[in-house]
Amino acid sequence: MPAERTTMRQVREVLRLKFVGGVPIREIARRIGVAASTVRVTLKRFQTTSLSWPLPEELTDAALEARLFPDAGTKQGRRRQVEPDWASIHRELKRKHVTLSILWDEYIERDPEGYRYSRFCELYRSWESKLSVTMRQTHDNLILCGPTGVGKSWLASALGHKACRDNRSVLYQRIPKLFADLALARGDGRYARILRALGGVQLLILDDWGLEPLDATARHDLLEIIEERYGRRSTIITSQIPGDKWHDLIGDPTYADAILDRIVHNAHRINLAGHSLRRSRASKTSKE
């Protein structure tokens, strides 16, 4: 009697028990409720593939099944869909203006009988949900706008504190002081080191953006920082100036387009309003 076809969950468990626990074949069969011959066939099929343990995290059940059973038959009149490369699709989605709709168009052009768009999206979301938290990070930015004293810096610092508690590196910089420090660093040899630190930290908080227009050197420095972080790290920016005025604030249209394109399009925005918290604290102190 031929060995029964196993589910991919069972296959993964067979491989785990064999390669991690060193469990004998009969014991593996007993634990997962299949015949010993099924375990042997599964291990033999695995050895004929180019896969190794541990399995790649992005390997879907469908892709694993296709590697283990390349000769599997399909129902008459039906065709097995070509499984998209979900890991590649996930990477492409991080690029500017790339959407699932665009990637599906490319996929269906290569394979006209592939998954329909709704099924394509469903399968991608299912694949994405199985990624680790680290791999799922989208590295979005956050823009906090509002008048002075409403708590922009406080909120940014609170988010930075939470990131520190989550074991992530955080750096806080007031923008006027940052550009002054970078100007001095050009003269004493620290410039490249400071830029690497600004580009490499997992969360960068830039406080008090827009207190004064940027000169040519500051524009260049800001573009270098933002370019290094784009799509790889998150940035929080606080400002009293509304976002639609930032283009004029930067000054040079070419630099403004390049900088804002990398900051704004993947940013969440929070507009704060209300009375100054500093004024409220001062009133409370005077009453006491």
C-alpha atoms as a PDB file:
ATOM      1  CA  MET A   1       0.000   0.000   0.000  1.00  0.00           C
ATOM      2  CA  PRO A   2       1.545   3.363  -0.962  1.00  0.00           C
ATOM      3  CA  ALA A   3       2.347   5.874   1.722  1.00  0.00           C
ATOM      4  CA  GLU A   4      -0.373   8.464   2.271  1.00  0.00           C
ATOM      5  CA  ARG A   5       0.085  12.067   1.190  1.00  0.00           C
ATOM      6  CA  THR A   6       1.009  14.245   4.152  1.00  0.00           C
ATOM      7  CA  THR A   7      -0.036  17.814   4.813  1.00  0.00           C
ATOM      8  CA  MET A   8       2.637  20.498   4.776  1.00  0.00           C
ATOM      9  CA  ARG A   9       2.117  21.002   8.498  1.00  0.00           C
ATOM     10  CA  GLN A  10       2.997  17.359   9.027  1.00  0.00           C
ATOM     11  CA  VAL A  11       5.972  17.657   6.685  1.00  0.00           C
ATOM     12  CA  ARG A  12       7.359  20.591   8.641  1.00  0.00           C
ATOM     13  CA  GLU A  13       6.884  18.665  11.888  1.00  0.00           C
ATOM     14  CA  VAL A  14       8.660  15.596  10.441  1.00  0.00           C
ATOM     15  CA  LEU A  15      11.620  17.752   9.444  1.00  0.00           C
ATOM     16  CA  ARG A  16      11.726  19.524  12.788  1.00  0.00           C
ATOM     17  CA  LEU A  17      11.680  16.305  14.782  1.00  0.00           C
ATOM     18  CA  LYS A  18      14.304  14.723  12.560  1.00  0.00           C
ATOM     19  CA  PHE A  19      16.794  17.562  12.225  1.00  0.00           C
ATOM     20  CA  VAL A  20      16.299  19.367  15.532  1.00  0.00           C
ATOM     21  CA  GLY A  21      15.390  16.563  17.911  1.00  0.00           C
ATOM     22  CA  GLY A  22      17.077  13.621  16.181  1.00  0.00           C
ATOM     23  CA  VAL A  23      13.910  11.586  16.819  1.00  0.00           C
ATOM     24  CA  PRO A  24      13.838   8.068  15.250  1.00  0.00           C
ATOM     25  CA  ILE A  25      11.542   7.521  12.275  1.00  0.00           C
ATOM     26  CA  ARG A  26       9.087   5.235  14.094  1.00  0.00           C
ATOM     27  CA  GLU A  27       8.760   7.684  16.953  1.00  0.00           C
ATOM     28  CA  ILE A  28       8.158  10.558  14.511  1.00  0.00           C
ATOM     29  CA  ALA A  29       5.427   8.472  12.844  1.00  0.00           C
ATOM     30  CA  ARG A  30       3.810   7.769  16.205  1.00  0.00           C
ATOM     31  CA  ARG A  31       3.864  11.411  17.291  1.00  0.00           C
ATOM     32  CA  ILE A  32       2.235  12.856  14.186  1.00  0.00           C
ATOM     33  CA  GLY A  33      -0.053   9.902  13.465  1.00  0.00           C
ATOM     34  CA  VAL A  34       1.226   8.618  10.107  1.00  0.00           C
ATOM     35  CA  ALA A  35       2.902   5.426   8.903  1.00  0.00           C
ATOM     36  CA  ALA A  36       6.654   5.045   9.260  1.00  0.00           C
ATOM     37  CA  SER A  37       6.854   4.547   5.501  1.00  0.00           C
ATOM     38  CA  THR A  38       5.310   7.997   5.040  1.00  0.00           C
ATOM     39  CA  VAL A  39       8.020   9.538   7.197  1.00  0.00           C
ATOM     40  CA  ARG A  40      10.720   7.746   5.182  1.00  0.00           C
ATOM     41  CA  VAL A  41       9.241   8.912   1.872  1.00  0.00           C
ATOM     42  CA  THR A  42       8.947  12.478   3.158  1.00  0.00           C
ATOM     43  CA  LEU A  43      12.595  12.534   4.251  1.00  0.00           C
ATOM     44  CA  LYS A  44      13.696  10.957   0.981  1.00  0.00           C
ATOM     45  CA  ARG A  45      11.800  13.542  -1.055  1.00  0.00           C
ATOM     46  CA  PHE A  46      13.313  16.327   1.055  1.00  0.00           C
ATOM     47  CA  GLN A  47      16.824  15.011   0.361  1.00  0.00           C
ATOM     48  CA  THR A  48      16.198  15.178  -3.397  1.00  0.00           C
ATOM     49  CA  THR A  49      15.444  18.907  -3.230  1.00  0.00           C
ATOM     50  CA  SER A  50      17.984  21.693  -2.845  1.00  0.00           C
ATOM     51  CA  LEU A  51      16.408  22.653   0.470  1.00  0.00           C
ATOM     52  CA  SER A  52      18.145  22.379   3.829  1.00  0.00           C
ATOM     53  CA  TRP A  53      17.113  22.705   7.457  1.00  0.00           C
ATOM     54  CA  PRO A  54      16.065  25.134   8.793  1.00  0.00           C
ATOM     55  CA  LEU A  55      13.639  25.953   6.013  1.00  0.00           C
ATOM     56  CA  PRO A  56      13.674  29.546   4.718  1.00  0.00           C
ATOM     57  CA  GLU A  57      11.189  31.624   6.692  1.00  0.00           C
ATOM     58  CA  GLU A  58       9.596  32.957   3.505  1.00  0.00           C
ATOM     59  CA  LEU A  59       8.950  29.446   2.098  1.00  0.00           C
ATOM     60  CA  THR A  60       5.171  29.006   1.865  1.00  0.00           C
ATOM     61  CA  ASP A  61       3.361  25.690   2.207  1.00  0.00           C
ATOM     62  CA  ALA A  62       2.457  25.811  -1.478  1.00  0.00           C
ATOM     63  CA  ALA A  63       6.082  26.367  -2.474  1.00  0.00           C
ATOM     64  CA  LEU A  64       7.259  23.581  -0.165  1.00  0.00           C
ATOM     65  CA  GLU A  65       4.678  21.205  -1.635  1.00  0.00           C
ATOM     66  CA  ALA A  66       5.793  22.076  -5.160  1.00  0.00           C
ATOM     67  CA  ARG A  67       9.412  21.267  -4.241  1.00  0.00           C
ATOM     68  CA  LEU A  68       8.549  17.967  -2.570  1.00  0.00           C
ATOM     69  CA  PHE A  69       5.958  16.807  -5.103  1.00  0.00           C
ATOM     70  CA  PRO A  70       6.980  18.282  -8.469  1.00  0.00           C
ATOM     71  CA  ASP A  71       5.405  15.363 -10.289  1.00  0.00           C
ATOM     72  CA  ALA A  72       2.060  15.573  -8.499  1.00  0.00           C
ATOM     73  CA  GLY A  73      -0.905  15.237 -10.825  1.00  0.00           C
ATOM     74  CA  THR A  74      -3.732  17.706 -11.116  1.00  0.00           C
ATOM     75  CA  LYS A  75      -7.377  17.207 -11.785  1.00  0.00           C
ATOM     76  CA  GLN A  76      -8.280  16.774 -15.429  1.00  0.00           C
ATOM     77  CA  GLY A  77      -9.139  20.067 -17.093  1.00  0.00           C
ATOM     78  CA  ARG A  78      -7.410  22.086 -14.361  1.00  0.00           C
ATOM     79  CA  ARG A  79      -3.931  23.522 -14.129  1.00  0.00           C
ATOM     80  CA  ARG A  80      -1.766  24.113 -11.065  1.00  0.00           C
ATOM     81  CA  GLN A  81      -1.148  27.858 -10.703  1.00  0.00           C
ATOM     82  CA  VAL A  82       2.434  29.051 -10.684  1.00  0.00           C
ATOM     83  CA  GLU A  83       3.208  30.160  -7.143  1.00  0.00           C
ATOM     84  CA  PRO A  84       4.483  33.763  -7.068  1.00  0.00           C
ATOM     85  CA  ASP A  85       7.768  34.550  -5.363  1.00  0.00           C
ATOM     86  CA  TRP A  86       6.240  36.173  -2.296  1.00  0.00           C
ATOM     87  CA  ALA A  87       9.595  37.184  -0.799  1.00  0.00           C
ATOM     88  CA  SER A  88      10.485  39.075  -3.970  1.00  0.00           C
ATOM     89  CA  ILE A  89       7.033  40.689  -4.037  1.00  0.00           C
ATOM     90  CA  HIS A  90       7.474  41.733  -0.404  1.00  0.00           C
ATOM     91  CA  ARG A  91      10.771  43.432  -1.262  1.00  0.00           C
ATOM     92  CA  GLU A  92       9.333  45.154  -4.323  1.00  0.00           C
ATOM     93  CA  LEU A  93       6.470  46.631  -2.290  1.00  0.00           C
ATOM     94  CA  LYS A  94       9.005  48.648  -0.303  1.00  0.00           C
ATOM     95  CA  ARG A  95       9.912  50.607  -3.426  1.00  0.00           C
ATOM     96  CA  LYS A  96       8.324  53.930  -4.232  1.00  0.00           C
ATOM     97  CA  HIS A  97       4.932  53.770  -5.992  1.00  0.00           C
ATOM     98  CA  VAL A  98       4.933  49.955  -6.203  1.00  0.00           C
ATOM     99  CA  THR A  99       1.569  48.358  -5.356  1.00  0.00           C
ATOM    100  CA  LEU A 100       0.130  44.857  -5.307  1.00  0.00           C
ATOM    101  CA  SER A 101      -1.931  45.780  -8.344  1.00  0.00           C
ATOM    102  CA  ILE A 102       1.205  46.603 -10.343  1.00  0.00           C
ATOM    103  CA  LEU A 103       2.962  43.425  -9.215  1.00  0.00           C
ATOM    104  CA  TRP A 104      -0.108  41.327 -10.047  1.00  0.00           C
ATOM    105  CA  ASP A 105      -0.171  42.827 -13.545  1.00  0.00           C
ATOM    106  CA  GLU A 106       3.440  41.719 -14.039  1.00  0.00           C
ATOM    107  CA  TYR A 107       2.681  38.276 -12.606  1.00  0.00           C
ATOM    108  CA  ILE A 108      -0.388  37.671 -14.769  1.00  0.00           C
ATOM    109  CA  GLU A 109       1.472  38.865 -17.864  1.00  0.00           C
ATOM    110  CA  ARG A 110       4.069  36.156 -17.276  1.00  0.00           C
ATOM    111  CA  ASP A 111       1.420  33.548 -16.450  1.00  0.00           C
ATOM    112  CA  PRO A 112      -2.012  34.398 -17.918  1.00  0.00           C
ATOM    113  CA  GLU A 113      -3.610  31.423 -16.150  1.00  0.00           C
ATOM    114  CA  GLY A 114      -2.275  32.396 -12.734  1.00  0.00           C
ATOM    115  CA  TYR A 115      -4.177  33.568  -9.663  1.00  0.00           C
ATOM    116  CA  ARG A 116      -6.871  36.196 -10.071  1.00  0.00           C
ATOM    117  CA  TYR A 117      -6.146  39.525  -8.378  1.00  0.00           C
ATOM    118  CA  SER A 118      -8.295  38.935  -5.273  1.00  0.00           C
ATOM    119  CA  ARG A 119      -6.729  35.515  -4.678  1.00  0.00           C
ATOM    120  CA  PHE A 120      -3.259  36.930  -5.321  1.00  0.00           C
ATOM    121  CA  CYS A 121      -3.791  39.594  -2.617  1.00  0.00           C
ATOM    122  CA  GLU A 122      -5.276  37.052  -0.211  1.00  0.00           C
ATOM    123  CA  LEU A 123      -2.309  34.708  -0.590  1.00  0.00           C
ATOM    124  CA  TYR A 124       0.195  37.527  -0.169  1.00  0.00           C
ATOM    125  CA  ARG A 125      -1.482  38.756   3.017  1.00  0.00           C
ATOM    126  CA  SER A 126      -1.486  35.201   4.333  1.00  0.00           C
ATOM    127  CA  TRP A 127       2.227  34.871   3.559  1.00  0.00           C
ATOM    128  CA  GLU A 128       2.989  38.258   5.104  1.00  0.00           C
ATOM    129  CA  SER A 129       1.122  37.393   8.319  1.00  0.00           C
ATOM    130  CA  LYS A 130       3.539  34.520   8.929  1.00  0.00           C
ATOM    131  CA  LEU A 131       6.619  36.719   8.879  1.00  0.00           C
ATOM    132  CA  SER A 132       8.425  37.562  12.077  1.00  0.00           C
ATOM    133  CA  VAL A 133       7.787  40.964  13.645  1.00  0.00           C
ATOM    134  CA  THR A 134      11.237  42.131  12.531  1.00  0.00           C
ATOM    135  CA  MET A 135      10.597  41.227   8.886  1.00  0.00           C
ATOM    136  CA  ARG A 136       7.174  42.895   8.932  1.00  0.00           C
ATOM    137  CA  GLN A 137       8.515  46.285   9.959  1.00  0.00           C
ATOM    138  CA  THR A 138       7.631  48.884   7.360  1.00  0.00           C
ATOM    139  CA  HIS A 139       9.929  51.654   8.658  1.00  0.00           C
ATOM    140  CA  ASP A 140       7.301  54.358   8.261  1.00  0.00           C
ATOM    141  CA  ASN A 141       7.905  57.936   9.351  1.00  0.00           C
ATOM    142  CA  LEU A 142       5.809  60.078  11.696  1.00  0.00           C
ATOM    143  CA  ILE A 143       5.194  63.817  11.358  1.00  0.00           C
ATOM    144  CA  LEU A 144       3.916  65.716  14.411  1.00  0.00           C
ATOM    145  CA  CYS A 145       2.702  69.248  13.645  1.00  0.00           C
ATOM    146  CA  GLY A 146       1.103  71.878  15.855  1.00  0.00           C
ATOM    147  CA  PRO A 147       1.667  75.213  17.592  1.00  0.00           C
ATOM    148  CA  THR A 148       4.284  75.648  20.253  1.00  0.00           C
ATOM    149  CA  GLY A 149       3.657  74.006  23.611  1.00  0.00           C
ATOM    150  CA  VAL A 150       1.003  71.454  22.578  1.00  0.00           C
ATOM    151  CA  GLY A 151       3.224  68.463  23.353  1.00  0.00           C
ATOM    152  CA  LYS A 152       4.950  67.559  20.076  1.00  0.00           C
ATOM    153  CA  SER A 153       8.369  67.035  21.645  1.00  0.00           C
ATOM    154  CA  TRP A 154       6.839  65.254  24.626  1.00  0.00           C
ATOM    155  CA  LEU A 155       4.975  62.812  22.387  1.00  0.00           C
ATOM    156  CA  ALA A 156       8.028  62.204  20.201  1.00  0.00           C
ATOM    157  CA  SER A 157      10.146  61.544  23.283  1.00  0.00           C
ATOM    158  CA  ALA A 158       7.522  59.170  24.688  1.00  0.00           C
ATOM    159  CA  LEU A 159       7.555  57.186  21.449  1.00  0.00           C
ATOM    160  CA  GLY A 160      11.344  57.139  21.558  1.00  0.00           C
ATOM    161  CA  HIS A 161      11.242  55.871  25.139  1.00  0.00           C
ATOM    162  CA  LYS A 162       8.880  53.071  24.105  1.00  0.00           C
ATOM    163  CA  ALA A 163      11.242  52.136  21.256  1.00  0.00           C
ATOM    164  CA  CYS A 164      14.132  51.965  23.741  1.00  0.00           C
ATOM    165  CA  ARG A 165      12.102  49.632  25.953  1.00  0.00           C
ATOM    166  CA  ASP A 166      11.550  47.477  22.870  1.00  0.00           C
ATOM    167  CA  ASN A 167      15.333  47.184  22.535  1.00  0.00           C
ATOM    168  CA  ARG A 168      15.655  49.552  19.567  1.00  0.00           C
ATOM    169  CA  SER A 169      18.284  52.238  19.138  1.00  0.00           C
ATOM    170  CA  VAL A 170      16.990  55.815  19.340  1.00  0.00           C
ATOM    171  CA  LEU A 171      18.644  59.183  18.775  1.00  0.00           C
ATOM    172  CA  TYR A 172      17.071  62.569  19.577  1.00  0.00           C
ATOM    173  CA  GLN A 173      18.310  65.712  17.781  1.00  0.00           C
ATOM    174  CA  ARG A 174      17.069  69.284  17.661  1.00  0.00           C
ATOM    175  CA  ILE A 175      17.422  70.270  14.030  1.00  0.00           C
ATOM    176  CA  PRO A 176      18.996  73.746  14.575  1.00  0.00           C
ATOM    177  CA  LYS A 177      21.698  72.235  16.796  1.00  0.00           C
ATOM    178  CA  LEU A 178      22.164  69.249  14.491  1.00  0.00           C
ATOM    179  CA  PHE A 179      23.072  71.385  11.480  1.00  0.00           C
ATOM    180  CA  ALA A 180      25.405  73.505  13.607  1.00  0.00           C
ATOM    181  CA  ASP A 181      27.154  70.357  14.875  1.00  0.00           C
ATOM    182  CA  LEU A 182      27.495  69.001  11.345  1.00  0.00           C
ATOM    183  CA  ALA A 183      29.064  72.265  10.187  1.00  0.00           C
ATOM    184  CA  LEU A 184      31.683  71.990  12.961  1.00  0.00           C
ATOM    185  CA  ALA A 185      32.190  68.284  12.240  1.00  0.00           C
ATOM    186  CA  ARG A 186      33.294  69.085   8.681  1.00  0.00           C
ATOM    187  CA  GLY A 187      36.325  70.850  10.120  1.00  0.00           C
ATOM    188  CA  ASP A 188      37.416  68.305  12.725  1.00  0.00           C
ATOM    189  CA  GLY A 189      36.922  65.058  10.804  1.00  0.00           C
ATOM    190  CA  ARG A 190      33.780  63.810  12.582  1.00  0.00           C
ATOM    191  CA  TYR A 191      31.368  64.475   9.717  1.00  0.00           C
ATOM    192  CA  ALA A 192      31.325  60.992   8.167  1.00  0.00           C
ATOM    193  CA  ARG A 193      31.023  59.328  11.580  1.00  0.00           C
ATOM    194  CA  ILE A 194      28.063  61.504  12.609  1.00  0.00           C
ATOM    195  CA  LEU A 195      26.276  60.848   9.307  1.00  0.00           C
ATOM    196  CA  ARG A 196      26.728  57.091   9.780  1.00  0.00           C
ATOM    197  CA  ALA A 197      25.229  57.342  13.262  1.00  0.00           C
ATOM    198  CA  LEU A 198      22.273  59.366  12.014  1.00  0.00           C
ATOM    199  CA  GLY A 199      21.660  56.940   9.171  1.00  0.00           C
ATOM    200  CA  GLY A 200      22.079  53.764  11.201  1.00  0.00           C
ATOM    201  CA  VAL A 201      20.003  54.427  14.315  1.00  0.00           C
ATOM    202  CA  GLN A 202      16.663  52.569  14.208  1.00  0.00           C
ATOM    203  CA  LEU A 203      14.583  55.577  15.269  1.00  0.00           C
ATOM    204  CA  LEU A 204      15.730  59.136  14.683  1.00  0.00           C
ATOM    205  CA  ILE A 205      13.780  61.994  16.276  1.00  0.00           C
ATOM    206  CA  LEU A 206      14.257  65.373  14.581  1.00  0.00           C
ATOM    207  CA  ASP A 207      12.733  68.064  16.780  1.00  0.00           C
ATOM    208  CA  ASP A 208      11.885  71.690  15.927  1.00  0.00           C
ATOM    209  CA  TRP A 209      11.949  71.383  12.153  1.00  0.00           C
ATOM    210  CA  GLY A 210      11.382  74.671  10.340  1.00  0.00           C
ATOM    211  CA  LEU A 211      12.437  77.257  12.893  1.00  0.00           C
ATOM    212  CA  GLU A 212      14.507  78.880  10.138  1.00  0.00           C
ATOM    213  CA  PRO A 213      15.005  78.329   6.385  1.00  0.00           C
ATOM    214  CA  LEU A 214      17.749  75.910   5.335  1.00  0.00           C
ATOM    215  CA  ASP A 215      20.933  77.122   3.705  1.00  0.00           C
ATOM    216  CA  ALA A 216      22.671  75.149   0.936  1.00  0.00           C
ATOM    217  CA  THR A 217      24.825  73.126   3.349  1.00  0.00           C
ATOM    218  CA  ALA A 218      21.896  72.212   5.597  1.00  0.00           C
ATOM    219  CA  ARG A 219      19.832  71.123   2.567  1.00  0.00           C
ATOM    220  CA  HIS A 220      22.613  68.826   1.445  1.00  0.00           C
ATOM    221  CA  ASP A 221      23.093  67.371   4.930  1.00  0.00           C
ATOM    222  CA  LEU A 222      19.376  66.730   5.377  1.00  0.00           C
ATOM    223  CA  LEU A 223      19.118  64.952   2.021  1.00  0.00           C
ATOM    224  CA  GLU A 224      22.097  62.733   2.881  1.00  0.00           C
ATOM    225  CA  ILE A 225      20.501  61.758   6.212  1.00  0.00           C
ATOM    226  CA  ILE A 226      17.043  61.093   4.786  1.00  0.00           C
ATOM    227  CA  GLU A 227      18.382  59.189   1.765  1.00  0.00           C
ATOM    228  CA  GLU A 228      20.402  56.877   4.005  1.00  0.00           C
ATOM    229  CA  ARG A 229      17.355  56.135   6.163  1.00  0.00           C
ATOM    230  CA  TYR A 230      14.728  55.874   3.433  1.00  0.00           C
ATOM    231  CA  GLY A 231      12.934  52.518   3.537  1.00  0.00           C
ATOM    232  CA  ARG A 232      15.329  51.134   6.162  1.00  0.00           C
ATOM    233  CA  ARG A 233      14.795  53.175   9.317  1.00  0.00           C
ATOM    234  CA  SER A 234      12.002  55.254  10.883  1.00  0.00           C
ATOM    235  CA  THR A 235      12.117  58.987  11.532  1.00  0.00           C
ATOM    236  CA  ILE A 236       9.905  61.219  13.710  1.00  0.00           C
ATOM    237  CA  ILE A 237       9.806  64.910  12.804  1.00  0.00           C
ATOM    238  CA  THR A 238       8.158  67.619  14.894  1.00  0.00           C
ATOM    239  CA  SER A 239       7.355  71.063  13.521  1.00  0.00           C
ATOM    240  CA  GLN A 240       5.281  74.159  14.138  1.00  0.00           C
ATOM    241  CA  ILE A 241       5.060  74.649  10.367  1.00  0.00           C
ATOM    242  CA  PRO A 242       2.251  72.885   8.457  1.00  0.00           C
ATOM    243  CA  GLY A 243       3.478  70.254   6.012  1.00  0.00           C
ATOM    244  CA  ASP A 244       2.269  72.149   2.943  1.00  0.00           C
ATOM    245  CA  LYS A 245       4.745  74.957   3.778  1.00  0.00           C
ATOM    246  CA  TRP A 246       7.819  72.718   3.991  1.00  0.00           C
ATOM    247  CA  HIS A 247       8.660  72.948   0.304  1.00  0.00           C
ATOM    248  CA  ASP A 248       9.196  76.714   0.542  1.00  0.00           C
ATOM    249  CA  LEU A 249      11.076  76.294   3.804  1.00  0.00           C
ATOM    250  CA  ILE A 250      13.719  74.080   2.185  1.00  0.00           C
ATOM    251  CA  GLY A 251      14.326  76.735  -0.450  1.00  0.00           C
ATOM    252  CA  ASP A 252      15.772  74.936  -3.446  1.00  0.00           C
ATOM    253  CA  PRO A 253      12.960  73.220  -5.456  1.00  0.00           C
ATOM    254  CA  THR A 254      15.144  70.302  -6.547  1.00  0.00           C
ATOM    255  CA  TYR A 255      16.311  69.545  -3.019  1.00  0.00           C
ATOM    256  CA  ALA A 256      12.810  70.116  -1.662  1.00  0.00           C
ATOM    257  CA  ASP A 257      11.283  67.568  -4.041  1.00  0.00           C
ATOM    258  CA  ALA A 258      13.950  64.983  -3.233  1.00  0.00           C
ATOM    259  CA  ILE A 259      13.760  65.444   0.543  1.00  0.00           C
ATOM    260  CA  LEU A 260       9.980  65.583   0.882  1.00  0.00           C
ATOM    261  CA  ASP A 261       9.490  62.645  -1.456  1.00  0.00           C
ATOM    262  CA  ARG A 262      11.525  60.499   0.948  1.00  0.00           C
ATOM    263  CA  ILE A 263       9.890  61.857   4.105  1.00  0.00           C
ATOM    264  CA  VAL A 264       6.238  62.461   3.375  1.00  0.00           C
ATOM    265  CA  HIS A 265       4.931  59.675   1.141  1.00  0.00           C
ATOM    266  CA  ASN A 266       5.387  56.910   3.744  1.00  0.00           C
ATOM    267  CA  ALA A 267       4.677  59.078   6.800  1.00  0.00           C
ATOM    268  CA  HIS A 268       1.814  59.070   9.270  1.00  0.00           C
ATOM    269  CA  ARG A 269       0.717  62.581  10.246  1.00  0.00           C
ATOM    270  CA  ILE A 270      -0.671  63.837  13.522  1.00  0.00           C
ATOM    271  CA  ASN A 271      -1.794  67.460  13.797  1.00  0.00           C
ATOM    272  CA  LEU A 272      -1.944  68.552  17.424  1.00  0.00           C
ATOM    273  CA  ALA A 273      -4.014  71.480  18.631  1.00  0.00           C
ATOM    274  CA  GLY A 274      -4.902  73.151  21.896  1.00  0.00           C
ATOM    275  CA  HIS A 275      -3.457  75.490  24.509  1.00  0.00           C
ATOM    276  CA  SER A 276       0.212  75.509  25.438  1.00  0.00           C
ATOM    277  CA  LEU A 277       1.035  72.949  28.114  1.00  0.00           C
ATOM    278  CA  ARG A 278       3.826  75.197  29.336  1.00  0.00           C
ATOM    279  CA  ARG A 279       1.334  78.000  29.957  1.00  0.00           C
ATOM    280  CA  SER A 280      -0.959  75.621  31.841  1.00  0.00           C
ATOM    281  CA  ARG A 281       1.901  74.468  34.074  1.00  0.00           C
ATOM    282  CA  ALA A 282       2.988  78.051  34.697  1.00  0.00           C
ATOM    283  CA  SER A 283      -0.552  79.044  35.722  1.00  0.00           C
ATOM    284  CA  LYS A 284      -0.789  76.079  38.067  1.00  0.00           C
ATOM    285  CA  THR A 285       2.572  76.923  39.659  1.00  0.00           C
ATOM    286  CA  SER A 286       1.633  80.588  40.218  1.00  0.00           C
ATOM    287  CA  LYS A 287      -1.620  79.569  41.923  1.00  0.00           C
ATOM    288  CA  GLU A 288       0.257  77.298  44.281  1.00  0.00           C
END
